[in-house]
Amino acid sequence: MASRTYDRTLECGCMYSADGGGGLMPCDYGYGCGKKVTRGAYTFKCGDESKSGKIQLCKECKEQPKKCEEAHKKWYKTKDYKKYCEEVQERNQ
């Protein structure tokens, strides 16, 4: 069985690996964190499906995709990103 080491962790929580051609473990899957949330008289677990079929998310989980996008854009402009790309090529020749 192959193993993968995650070398980089971005501010948002996404992790990148230079093994196996490079890889990403995203921090946001859109399924919620599972914590209890109260809105008015209604209490639910973040990630539960509402009666209308929509997934109910807490404020932090709703904001996570934006934080993730900003972290990626910031990282792509760094020397570390260039070094990461070189590591991917070097490890996978």
PDB file of N, CA and C in Angstrom:
ATOM      1  N   MET A   1       0.842  -1.171   0.000  1.00  0.00           N
ATOM      2  CA  MET A   1       0.000   0.000   0.000  1.00  0.00           C
ATOM      3  C   MET A   1       0.890   1.238   0.000  1.00  0.00           C
ATOM      4  N   ALA A   2       0.551   2.195  -0.792  1.00  0.00           N
ATOM      5  CA  ALA A   2       1.320   3.439  -0.888  1.00  0.00           C
ATOM      6  C   ALA A   2       0.986   4.360   0.275  1.00  0.00           C
ATOM      7  N   SER A   3       1.970   5.141   0.658  1.00  0.00           N
ATOM      8  CA  SER A   3       1.712   6.132   1.711  1.00  0.00           C
ATOM      9  C   SER A   3       1.970   7.511   1.138  1.00  0.00           C
ATOM     10  N   ARG A   4       1.339   8.484   1.723  1.00  0.00           N
ATOM     11  CA  ARG A   4       1.478   9.857   1.244  1.00  0.00           C
ATOM     12  C   ARG A   4       1.795  10.735   2.443  1.00  0.00           C
ATOM     13  N   THR A   5       2.789  11.601   2.271  1.00  0.00           N
ATOM     14  CA  THR A   5       3.164  12.563   3.291  1.00  0.00           C
ATOM     15  C   THR A   5       2.692  13.934   2.848  1.00  0.00           C
ATOM     16  N   TYR A   6       2.009  14.636   3.727  1.00  0.00           N
ATOM     17  CA  TYR A   6       1.552  15.988   3.411  1.00  0.00           C
ATOM     18  C   TYR A   6       2.592  16.977   3.927  1.00  0.00           C
ATOM     19  N   ASP A   7       3.250  17.661   2.981  1.00  0.00           N
ATOM     20  CA  ASP A   7       4.391  18.531   3.285  1.00  0.00           C
ATOM     21  C   ASP A   7       3.987  19.962   3.622  1.00  0.00           C
ATOM     22  N   ARG A   8       2.885  20.405   3.071  1.00  0.00           N
ATOM     23  CA  ARG A   8       2.476  21.810   3.234  1.00  0.00           C
ATOM     24  C   ARG A   8       1.061  21.878   3.790  1.00  0.00           C
ATOM     25  N   THR A   9       0.848  22.763   4.741  1.00  0.00           N
ATOM     26  CA  THR A   9      -0.493  23.038   5.261  1.00  0.00           C
ATOM     27  C   THR A   9      -0.734  24.528   5.113  1.00  0.00           C
ATOM     28  N   LEU A  10      -1.766  24.878   4.371  1.00  0.00           N
ATOM     29  CA  LEU A  10      -2.095  26.286   4.151  1.00  0.00           C
ATOM     30  C   LEU A  10      -2.844  26.851   5.354  1.00  0.00           C
ATOM     31  N   GLU A  11      -2.994  28.183   5.385  1.00  0.00           N
ATOM     32  CA  GLU A  11      -3.678  28.871   6.484  1.00  0.00           C
ATOM     33  C   GLU A  11      -5.094  28.345   6.698  1.00  0.00           C
ATOM     34  N   CYS A  12      -5.749  27.972   5.624  1.00  0.00           N
ATOM     35  CA  CYS A  12      -7.140  27.522   5.695  1.00  0.00           C
ATOM     36  C   CYS A  12      -7.258  26.111   6.258  1.00  0.00           C
ATOM     37  N   GLY A  13      -6.198  25.309   6.116  1.00  0.00           N
ATOM     38  CA  GLY A  13      -6.222  23.926   6.579  1.00  0.00           C
ATOM     39  C   GLY A  13      -6.011  22.910   5.473  1.00  0.00           C
ATOM     40  N   CYS A  14      -6.024  23.328   4.210  1.00  0.00           N
ATOM     41  CA  CYS A  14      -5.745  22.413   3.103  1.00  0.00           C
ATOM     42  C   CYS A  14      -4.313  21.912   3.219  1.00  0.00           C
ATOM     43  N   MET A  15      -4.113  20.636   2.855  1.00  0.00           N
ATOM     44  CA  MET A  15      -2.771  20.064   2.927  1.00  0.00           C
ATOM     45  C   MET A  15      -2.352  19.569   1.544  1.00  0.00           C
ATOM     46  N   TYR A  16      -1.096  19.844   1.192  1.00  0.00           N
ATOM     47  CA  TYR A  16      -0.529  19.438  -0.093  1.00  0.00           C
ATOM     48  C   TYR A  16       0.589  18.433   0.120  1.00  0.00           C
ATOM     49  N   SER A  17       0.657  17.466  -0.787  1.00  0.00           N
ATOM     50  CA  SER A  17       1.707  16.467  -0.788  1.00  0.00           C
ATOM     51  C   SER A  17       2.475  16.543  -2.098  1.00  0.00           C
ATOM     52  N   ALA A  18       3.782  16.387  -2.022  1.00  0.00           N
ATOM     53  CA  ALA A  18       4.598  16.350  -3.235  1.00  0.00           C
ATOM     54  C   ALA A  18       4.801  14.905  -3.700  1.00  0.00           C
ATOM     55  N   ASP A  19       4.331  13.940  -2.932  1.00  0.00           N
ATOM     56  CA  ASP A  19       4.441  12.523  -3.303  1.00  0.00           C
ATOM     57  C   ASP A  19       3.409  12.167  -4.360  1.00  0.00           C
ATOM     58  N   GLY A  20       3.698  11.138  -5.115  1.00  0.00           N
ATOM     59  CA  GLY A  20       2.731  10.574  -6.054  1.00  0.00           C
ATOM     60  C   GLY A  20       2.205  11.541  -7.088  1.00  0.00           C
ATOM     61  N   GLY A  21       3.014  12.475  -7.539  1.00  0.00           N
ATOM     62  CA  GLY A  21       2.577  13.426  -8.552  1.00  0.00           C
ATOM     63  C   GLY A  21       1.923  14.663  -7.972  1.00  0.00           C
ATOM     64  N   GLY A  22       2.008  14.804  -6.669  1.00  0.00           N
ATOM     65  CA  GLY A  22       1.378  15.947  -6.000  1.00  0.00           C
ATOM     66  C   GLY A  22      -0.049  15.601  -5.631  1.00  0.00           C
ATOM     67  N   GLY A  23      -0.519  16.177  -4.559  1.00  0.00           N
ATOM     68  CA  GLY A  23      -1.880  15.871  -4.145  1.00  0.00           C
ATOM     69  C   GLY A  23      -2.397  16.906  -3.173  1.00  0.00           C
ATOM     70  N   LEU A  24      -3.693  17.015  -3.088  1.00  0.00           N
ATOM     71  CA  LEU A  24      -4.352  17.971  -2.219  1.00  0.00           C
ATOM     72  C   LEU A  24      -5.379  17.263  -1.358  1.00  0.00           C
ATOM     73  N   MET A  25      -5.347  17.529  -0.052  1.00  0.00           N
ATOM     74  CA  MET A  25      -6.415  17.115   0.842  1.00  0.00           C
ATOM     75  C   MET A  25      -7.123  18.403   1.249  1.00  0.00           C
ATOM     76  N   PRO A  26      -8.302  18.653   0.678  1.00  0.00           N
ATOM     77  CA  PRO A  26      -8.985  19.919   0.960  1.00  0.00           C
ATOM     78  C   PRO A  26      -9.493  20.005   2.386  1.00  0.00           C
ATOM     79  N   CYS A  27      -9.582  21.236   2.877  1.00  0.00           N
ATOM     80  CA  CYS A  27     -10.077  21.450   4.235  1.00  0.00           C
ATOM     81  C   CYS A  27     -11.587  21.587   4.246  1.00  0.00           C
ATOM     82  N   ASP A  28     -12.198  21.838   3.101  1.00  0.00           N
ATOM     83  CA  ASP A  28     -13.631  22.079   3.037  1.00  0.00           C
ATOM     84  C   ASP A  28     -14.295  21.120   2.066  1.00  0.00           C
ATOM     85  N   TYR A  29     -15.130  20.250   2.606  1.00  0.00           N
ATOM     86  CA  TYR A  29     -15.875  19.327   1.752  1.00  0.00           C
ATOM     87  C   TYR A  29     -17.333  19.762   1.604  1.00  0.00           C
ATOM     88  N   GLY A  30     -17.763  20.784   2.377  1.00  0.00           N
ATOM     89  CA  GLY A  30     -19.126  21.283   2.278  1.00  0.00           C
ATOM     90  C   GLY A  30     -20.154  20.476   3.031  1.00  0.00           C
ATOM     91  N   TYR A  31     -19.701  19.580   3.929  1.00  0.00           N
ATOM     92  CA  TYR A  31     -20.630  18.741   4.673  1.00  0.00           C
ATOM     93  C   TYR A  31     -20.832  19.197   6.114  1.00  0.00           C
ATOM     94  N   GLY A  32     -20.196  20.287   6.511  1.00  0.00           N
ATOM     95  CA  GLY A  32     -20.368  20.801   7.865  1.00  0.00           C
ATOM     96  C   GLY A  32     -19.427  20.166   8.867  1.00  0.00           C
ATOM     97  N   CYS A  33     -19.366  20.799  10.040  1.00  0.00           N
ATOM     98  CA  CYS A  33     -18.434  20.363  11.083  1.00  0.00           C
ATOM     99  C   CYS A  33     -19.102  19.506  12.154  1.00  0.00           C
ATOM    100  N   GLY A  34     -20.430  19.460  12.177  1.00  0.00           N
ATOM    101  CA  GLY A  34     -21.141  18.611  13.125  1.00  0.00           C
ATOM    102  C   GLY A  34     -21.484  19.252  14.459  1.00  0.00           C
ATOM    103  N   LYS A  35     -21.042  20.490  14.681  1.00  0.00           N
ATOM    104  CA  LYS A  35     -21.354  21.109  15.967  1.00  0.00           C
ATOM    105  C   LYS A  35     -22.813  21.562  16.008  1.00  0.00           C
ATOM    106  N   LYS A  36     -23.361  21.690  17.232  1.00  0.00           N
ATOM    107  CA  LYS A  36     -24.750  22.120  17.384  1.00  0.00           C
ATOM    108  C   LYS A  36     -24.865  23.615  17.121  1.00  0.00           C
ATOM    109  N   VAL A  37     -25.900  23.978  16.371  1.00  0.00           N
ATOM    110  CA  VAL A  37     -26.149  25.375  16.012  1.00  0.00           C
ATOM    111  C   VAL A  37     -27.600  25.691  16.352  1.00  0.00           C
ATOM    112  N   THR A  38     -27.824  26.858  16.941  1.00  0.00           N
ATOM    113  CA  THR A  38     -29.185  27.289  17.243  1.00  0.00           C
ATOM    114  C   THR A  38     -29.484  28.555  16.465  1.00  0.00           C
ATOM    115  N   ARG A  39     -30.571  28.502  15.710  1.00  0.00           N
ATOM    116  CA  ARG A  39     -31.067  29.674  14.978  1.00  0.00           C
ATOM    117  C   ARG A  39     -32.520  29.860  15.384  1.00  0.00           C
ATOM    118  N   GLY A  40     -32.757  30.887  16.179  1.00  0.00           N
ATOM    119  CA  GLY A  40     -34.109  31.104  16.693  1.00  0.00           C
ATOM    120  C   GLY A  40     -34.503  29.950  17.597  1.00  0.00           C
ATOM    121  N   ALA A  41     -35.622  29.319  17.307  1.00  0.00           N
ATOM    122  CA  ALA A  41     -36.103  28.198  18.113  1.00  0.00           C
ATOM    123  C   ALA A  41     -35.632  26.855  17.554  1.00  0.00           C
ATOM    124  N   TYR A  42     -34.885  26.888  16.461  1.00  0.00           N
ATOM    125  CA  TYR A  42     -34.475  25.670  15.756  1.00  0.00           C
ATOM    126  C   TYR A  42     -33.023  25.330  16.090  1.00  0.00           C
ATOM    127  N   THR A  43     -32.761  24.109  16.543  1.00  0.00           N
ATOM    128  CA  THR A  43     -31.404  23.640  16.823  1.00  0.00           C
ATOM    129  C   THR A  43     -31.095  22.469  15.888  1.00  0.00           C
ATOM    130  N   PHE A  44     -29.915  22.474  15.308  1.00  0.00           N
ATOM    131  CA  PHE A  44     -29.513  21.420  14.387  1.00  0.00           C
ATOM    132  C   PHE A  44     -28.007  21.196  14.504  1.00  0.00           C
ATOM    133  N   LYS A  45     -27.537  20.110  13.914  1.00  0.00           N
ATOM    134  CA  LYS A  45     -26.101  19.856  13.821  1.00  0.00           C
ATOM    135  C   LYS A  45     -25.634  20.376  12.472  1.00  0.00           C
ATOM    136  N   CYS A  46     -24.524  21.125  12.463  1.00  0.00           N
ATOM    137  CA  CYS A  46     -23.966  21.658  11.222  1.00  0.00           C
ATOM    138  C   CYS A  46     -23.686  20.487  10.279  1.00  0.00           C
ATOM    139  N   GLY A  47     -24.293  20.527   9.103  1.00  0.00           N
ATOM    140  CA  GLY A  47     -24.157  19.458   8.121  1.00  0.00           C
ATOM    141  C   GLY A  47     -25.419  18.639   7.963  1.00  0.00           C
ATOM    142  N   ASP A  48     -26.405  18.823   8.874  1.00  0.00           N
ATOM    143  CA  ASP A  48     -27.675  18.104   8.743  1.00  0.00           C
ATOM    144  C   ASP A  48     -28.465  18.650   7.561  1.00  0.00           C
ATOM    145  N   GLU A  49     -29.293  17.803   7.013  1.00  0.00           N
ATOM    146  CA  GLU A  49     -30.148  18.216   5.905  1.00  0.00           C
ATOM    147  C   GLU A  49     -31.448  18.795   6.456  1.00  0.00           C
ATOM    148  N   SER A  50     -31.884  19.909   5.899  1.00  0.00           N
ATOM    149  CA  SER A  50     -33.136  20.521   6.324  1.00  0.00           C
ATOM    150  C   SER A  50     -34.313  19.818   5.647  1.00  0.00           C
ATOM    151  N   LYS A  51     -35.521  20.190   6.019  1.00  0.00           N
ATOM    152  CA  LYS A  51     -36.713  19.597   5.409  1.00  0.00           C
ATOM    153  C   LYS A  51     -36.772  19.875   3.916  1.00  0.00           C
ATOM    154  N   SER A  52     -36.188  20.988   3.495  1.00  0.00           N
ATOM    155  CA  SER A  52     -36.190  21.334   2.069  1.00  0.00           C
ATOM    156  C   SER A  52     -35.088  20.609   1.285  1.00  0.00           C
ATOM    157  N   GLY A  53     -34.231  19.859   1.982  1.00  0.00           N
ATOM    158  CA  GLY A  53     -33.178  19.103   1.303  1.00  0.00           C
ATOM    159  C   GLY A  53     -31.827  19.805   1.256  1.00  0.00           C
ATOM    160  N   LYS A  54     -31.760  21.038   1.764  1.00  0.00           N
ATOM    161  CA  LYS A  54     -30.492  21.775   1.786  1.00  0.00           C
ATOM    162  C   LYS A  54     -29.686  21.381   3.022  1.00  0.00           C
ATOM    163  N   ILE A  55     -28.369  21.399   2.886  1.00  0.00           N
ATOM    164  CA  ILE A  55     -27.497  21.122   4.025  1.00  0.00           C
ATOM    165  C   ILE A  55     -27.371  22.396   4.851  1.00  0.00           C
ATOM    166  N   GLN A  56     -27.652  22.275   6.144  1.00  0.00           N
ATOM    167  CA  GLN A  56     -27.556  23.397   7.074  1.00  0.00           C
ATOM    168  C   GLN A  56     -26.108  23.546   7.531  1.00  0.00           C
ATOM    169  N   LEU A  57     -25.523  24.735   7.379  1.00  0.00           N
ATOM    170  CA  LEU A  57     -24.147  24.980   7.782  1.00  0.00           C
ATOM    171  C   LEU A  57     -24.064  26.117   8.794  1.00  0.00           C
ATOM    172  N   CYS A  58     -23.095  26.027   9.694  1.00  0.00           N
ATOM    173  CA  CYS A  58     -22.853  27.120  10.640  1.00  0.00           C
ATOM    174  C   CYS A  58     -22.125  28.257   9.910  1.00  0.00           C
ATOM    175  N   LYS A  59     -21.994  29.382  10.566  1.00  0.00           N
ATOM    176  CA  LYS A  59     -21.382  30.563   9.957  1.00  0.00           C
ATOM    177  C   LYS A  59     -19.946  30.271   9.501  1.00  0.00           C
ATOM    178  N   GLU A  60     -19.168  29.585  10.343  1.00  0.00           N
ATOM    179  CA  GLU A  60     -17.766  29.292  10.007  1.00  0.00           C
ATOM    180  C   GLU A  60     -17.663  28.401   8.764  1.00  0.00           C
ATOM    181  N   CYS A  61     -18.532  27.408   8.673  1.00  0.00           N
ATOM    182  CA  CYS A  61     -18.493  26.497   7.525  1.00  0.00           C
ATOM    183  C   CYS A  61     -18.940  27.193   6.246  1.00  0.00           C
ATOM    184  N   LYS A  62     -19.853  28.154   6.365  1.00  0.00           N
ATOM    185  CA  LYS A  62     -20.276  28.916   5.183  1.00  0.00           C
ATOM    186  C   LYS A  62     -19.147  29.808   4.672  1.00  0.00           C
ATOM    187  N   GLU A  63     -18.295  30.299   5.583  1.00  0.00           N
ATOM    188  CA  GLU A  63     -17.194  31.194   5.213  1.00  0.00           C
ATOM    189  C   GLU A  63     -15.938  30.451   4.772  1.00  0.00           C
ATOM    190  N   GLN A  64     -15.849  29.157   5.049  1.00  0.00           N
ATOM    191  CA  GLN A  64     -14.633  28.388   4.779  1.00  0.00           C
ATOM    192  C   GLN A  64     -14.211  28.386   3.309  1.00  0.00           C
ATOM    193  N   PRO A  65     -15.116  28.216   2.332  1.00  0.00           N
ATOM    194  CA  PRO A  65     -14.660  28.213   0.933  1.00  0.00           C
ATOM    195  C   PRO A  65     -13.949  29.513   0.532  1.00  0.00           C
ATOM    196  N   LYS A  66     -14.424  30.637   1.033  1.00  0.00           N
ATOM    197  CA  LYS A  66     -13.784  31.913   0.710  1.00  0.00           C
ATOM    198  C   LYS A  66     -12.387  31.988   1.333  1.00  0.00           C
ATOM    199  N   LYS A  67     -12.259  31.557   2.595  1.00  0.00           N
ATOM    200  CA  LYS A  67     -10.952  31.538   3.259  1.00  0.00           C
ATOM    201  C   LYS A  67      -9.986  30.632   2.510  1.00  0.00           C
ATOM    202  N   CYS A  68     -10.497  29.516   2.050  1.00  0.00           N
ATOM    203  CA  CYS A  68      -9.687  28.542   1.327  1.00  0.00           C
ATOM    204  C   CYS A  68      -9.188  29.137   0.007  1.00  0.00           C
ATOM    205  N   GLU A  69     -10.076  29.755  -0.730  1.00  0.00           N
ATOM    206  CA  GLU A  69      -9.709  30.368  -2.012  1.00  0.00           C
ATOM    207  C   GLU A  69      -8.635  31.433  -1.820  1.00  0.00           C
ATOM    208  N   GLU A  70      -8.784  32.267  -0.801  1.00  0.00           N
ATOM    209  CA  GLU A  70      -7.803  33.325  -0.528  1.00  0.00           C
ATOM    210  C   GLU A  70      -6.447  32.741  -0.139  1.00  0.00           C
ATOM    211  N   ALA A  71      -6.450  31.684   0.668  1.00  0.00           N
ATOM    212  CA  ALA A  71      -5.196  31.052   1.084  1.00  0.00           C
ATOM    213  C   ALA A  71      -4.450  30.462  -0.113  1.00  0.00           C
ATOM    214  N   HIS A  72      -5.183  29.845  -1.022  1.00  0.00           N
ATOM    215  CA  HIS A  72      -4.559  29.258  -2.215  1.00  0.00           C
ATOM    216  C   HIS A  72      -3.961  30.341  -3.105  1.00  0.00           C
ATOM    217  N   LYS A  73      -4.722  31.395  -3.362  1.00  0.00           N
ATOM    218  CA  LYS A  73      -4.214  32.494  -4.200  1.00  0.00           C
ATOM    219  C   LYS A  73      -2.948  33.082  -3.604  1.00  0.00           C
ATOM    220  N   LYS A  74      -2.927  33.252  -2.296  1.00  0.00           N
ATOM    221  CA  LYS A  74      -1.757  33.810  -1.601  1.00  0.00           C
ATOM    222  C   LYS A  74      -0.558  32.869  -1.744  1.00  0.00           C
ATOM    223  N   TRP A  75      -0.772  31.567  -1.553  1.00  0.00           N
ATOM    224  CA  TRP A  75       0.321  30.600  -1.617  1.00  0.00           C
ATOM    225  C   TRP A  75       0.897  30.485  -3.019  1.00  0.00           C
ATOM    226  N   TYR A  76       0.046  30.554  -4.049  1.00  0.00           N
ATOM    227  CA  TYR A  76       0.505  30.430  -5.435  1.00  0.00           C
ATOM    228  C   TYR A  76       1.489  31.527  -5.824  1.00  0.00           C
ATOM    229  N   LYS A  77       1.535  32.607  -5.085  1.00  0.00           N
ATOM    230  CA  LYS A  77       2.434  33.728  -5.385  1.00  0.00           C
ATOM    231  C   LYS A  77       3.741  33.668  -4.595  1.00  0.00           C
ATOM    232  N   THR A  78       3.966  32.608  -3.824  1.00  0.00           N
ATOM    233  CA  THR A  78       5.146  32.537  -2.960  1.00  0.00           C
ATOM    234  C   THR A  78       6.268  31.698  -3.563  1.00  0.00           C
ATOM    235  N   LYS A  79       7.468  31.872  -2.998  1.00  0.00           N
ATOM    236  CA  LYS A  79       8.618  31.049  -3.380  1.00  0.00           C
ATOM    237  C   LYS A  79       8.398  29.602  -2.947  1.00  0.00           C
ATOM    238  N   ASP A  80       7.685  29.420  -1.842  1.00  0.00           N
ATOM    239  CA  ASP A  80       7.415  28.072  -1.353  1.00  0.00           C
ATOM    240  C   ASP A  80       6.610  27.266  -2.373  1.00  0.00           C
ATOM    241  N   TYR A  81       5.687  27.915  -3.061  1.00  0.00           N
ATOM    242  CA  TYR A  81       4.897  27.218  -4.079  1.00  0.00           C
ATOM    243  C   TYR A  81       5.791  26.758  -5.228  1.00  0.00           C
ATOM    244  N   LYS A  82       6.709  27.617  -5.645  1.00  0.00           N
ATOM    245  CA  LYS A  82       7.641  27.241  -6.718  1.00  0.00           C
ATOM    246  C   LYS A  82       8.510  26.064  -6.267  1.00  0.00           C
ATOM    247  N   LYS A  83       8.947  26.110  -4.999  1.00  0.00           N
ATOM    248  CA  LYS A  83       9.754  25.026  -4.449  1.00  0.00           C
ATOM    249  C   LYS A  83       8.932  23.731  -4.410  1.00  0.00           C
ATOM    250  N   TYR A  84       7.670  23.840  -4.021  1.00  0.00           N
ATOM    251  CA  TYR A  84       6.777  22.684  -3.982  1.00  0.00           C
ATOM    252  C   TYR A  84       6.658  22.045  -5.370  1.00  0.00           C
ATOM    253  N   CYS A  85       6.468  22.867  -6.401  1.00  0.00           N
ATOM    254  CA  CYS A  85       6.348  22.360  -7.774  1.00  0.00           C
ATOM    255  C   CYS A  85       7.622  21.626  -8.197  1.00  0.00           C
ATOM    256  N   GLU A  86       8.772  22.157  -7.810  1.00  0.00           N
ATOM    257  CA  GLU A  86      10.047  21.500  -8.114  1.00  0.00           C
ATOM    258  C   GLU A  86      10.155  20.161  -7.388  1.00  0.00           C
ATOM    259  N   GLU A  87       9.707  20.129  -6.119  1.00  0.00           N
ATOM    260  CA  GLU A  87       9.735  18.887  -5.340  1.00  0.00           C
ATOM    261  C   GLU A  87       8.861  17.826  -5.977  1.00  0.00           C
ATOM    262  N   VAL A  88       7.693  18.217  -6.471  1.00  0.00           N
ATOM    263  CA  VAL A  88       6.788  17.269  -7.127  1.00  0.00           C
ATOM    264  C   VAL A  88       7.489  16.635  -8.320  1.00  0.00           C
ATOM    265  N   GLN A  89       8.120  17.462  -9.146  1.00  0.00           N
ATOM    266  CA  GLN A  89       8.821  16.940 -10.328  1.00  0.00           C
ATOM    267  C   GLN A  89       9.987  16.046  -9.920  1.00  0.00           C
ATOM    268  N   GLU A  90      10.761  16.489  -8.928  1.00  0.00           N
ATOM    269  CA  GLU A  90      11.933  15.731  -8.487  1.00  0.00           C
ATOM    270  C   GLU A  90      11.554  14.360  -7.909  1.00  0.00           C
ATOM    271  N   ARG A  91      10.538  14.338  -7.081  1.00  0.00           N
ATOM    272  CA  ARG A  91      10.145  13.085  -6.419  1.00  0.00           C
ATOM    273  C   ARG A  91       9.484  12.092  -7.372  1.00  0.00           C
ATOM    274  N   ASN A  92       9.007  12.576  -8.490  1.00  0.00           N
ATOM    275  CA  ASN A  92       8.186  11.713  -9.354  1.00  0.00           C
ATOM    276  C   ASN A  92       8.781  11.489 -10.735  1.00  0.00           C
ATOM    277  N   GLN A  93      10.121  11.512 -10.808  1.00  0.00           N
ATOM    278  CA  GLN A  93      10.795  11.219 -12.088  1.00  0.00           C
ATOM    279  C   GLN A  93      10.997   9.747 -12.245  1.00  0.00           C
TER     280      GLN A  93
END
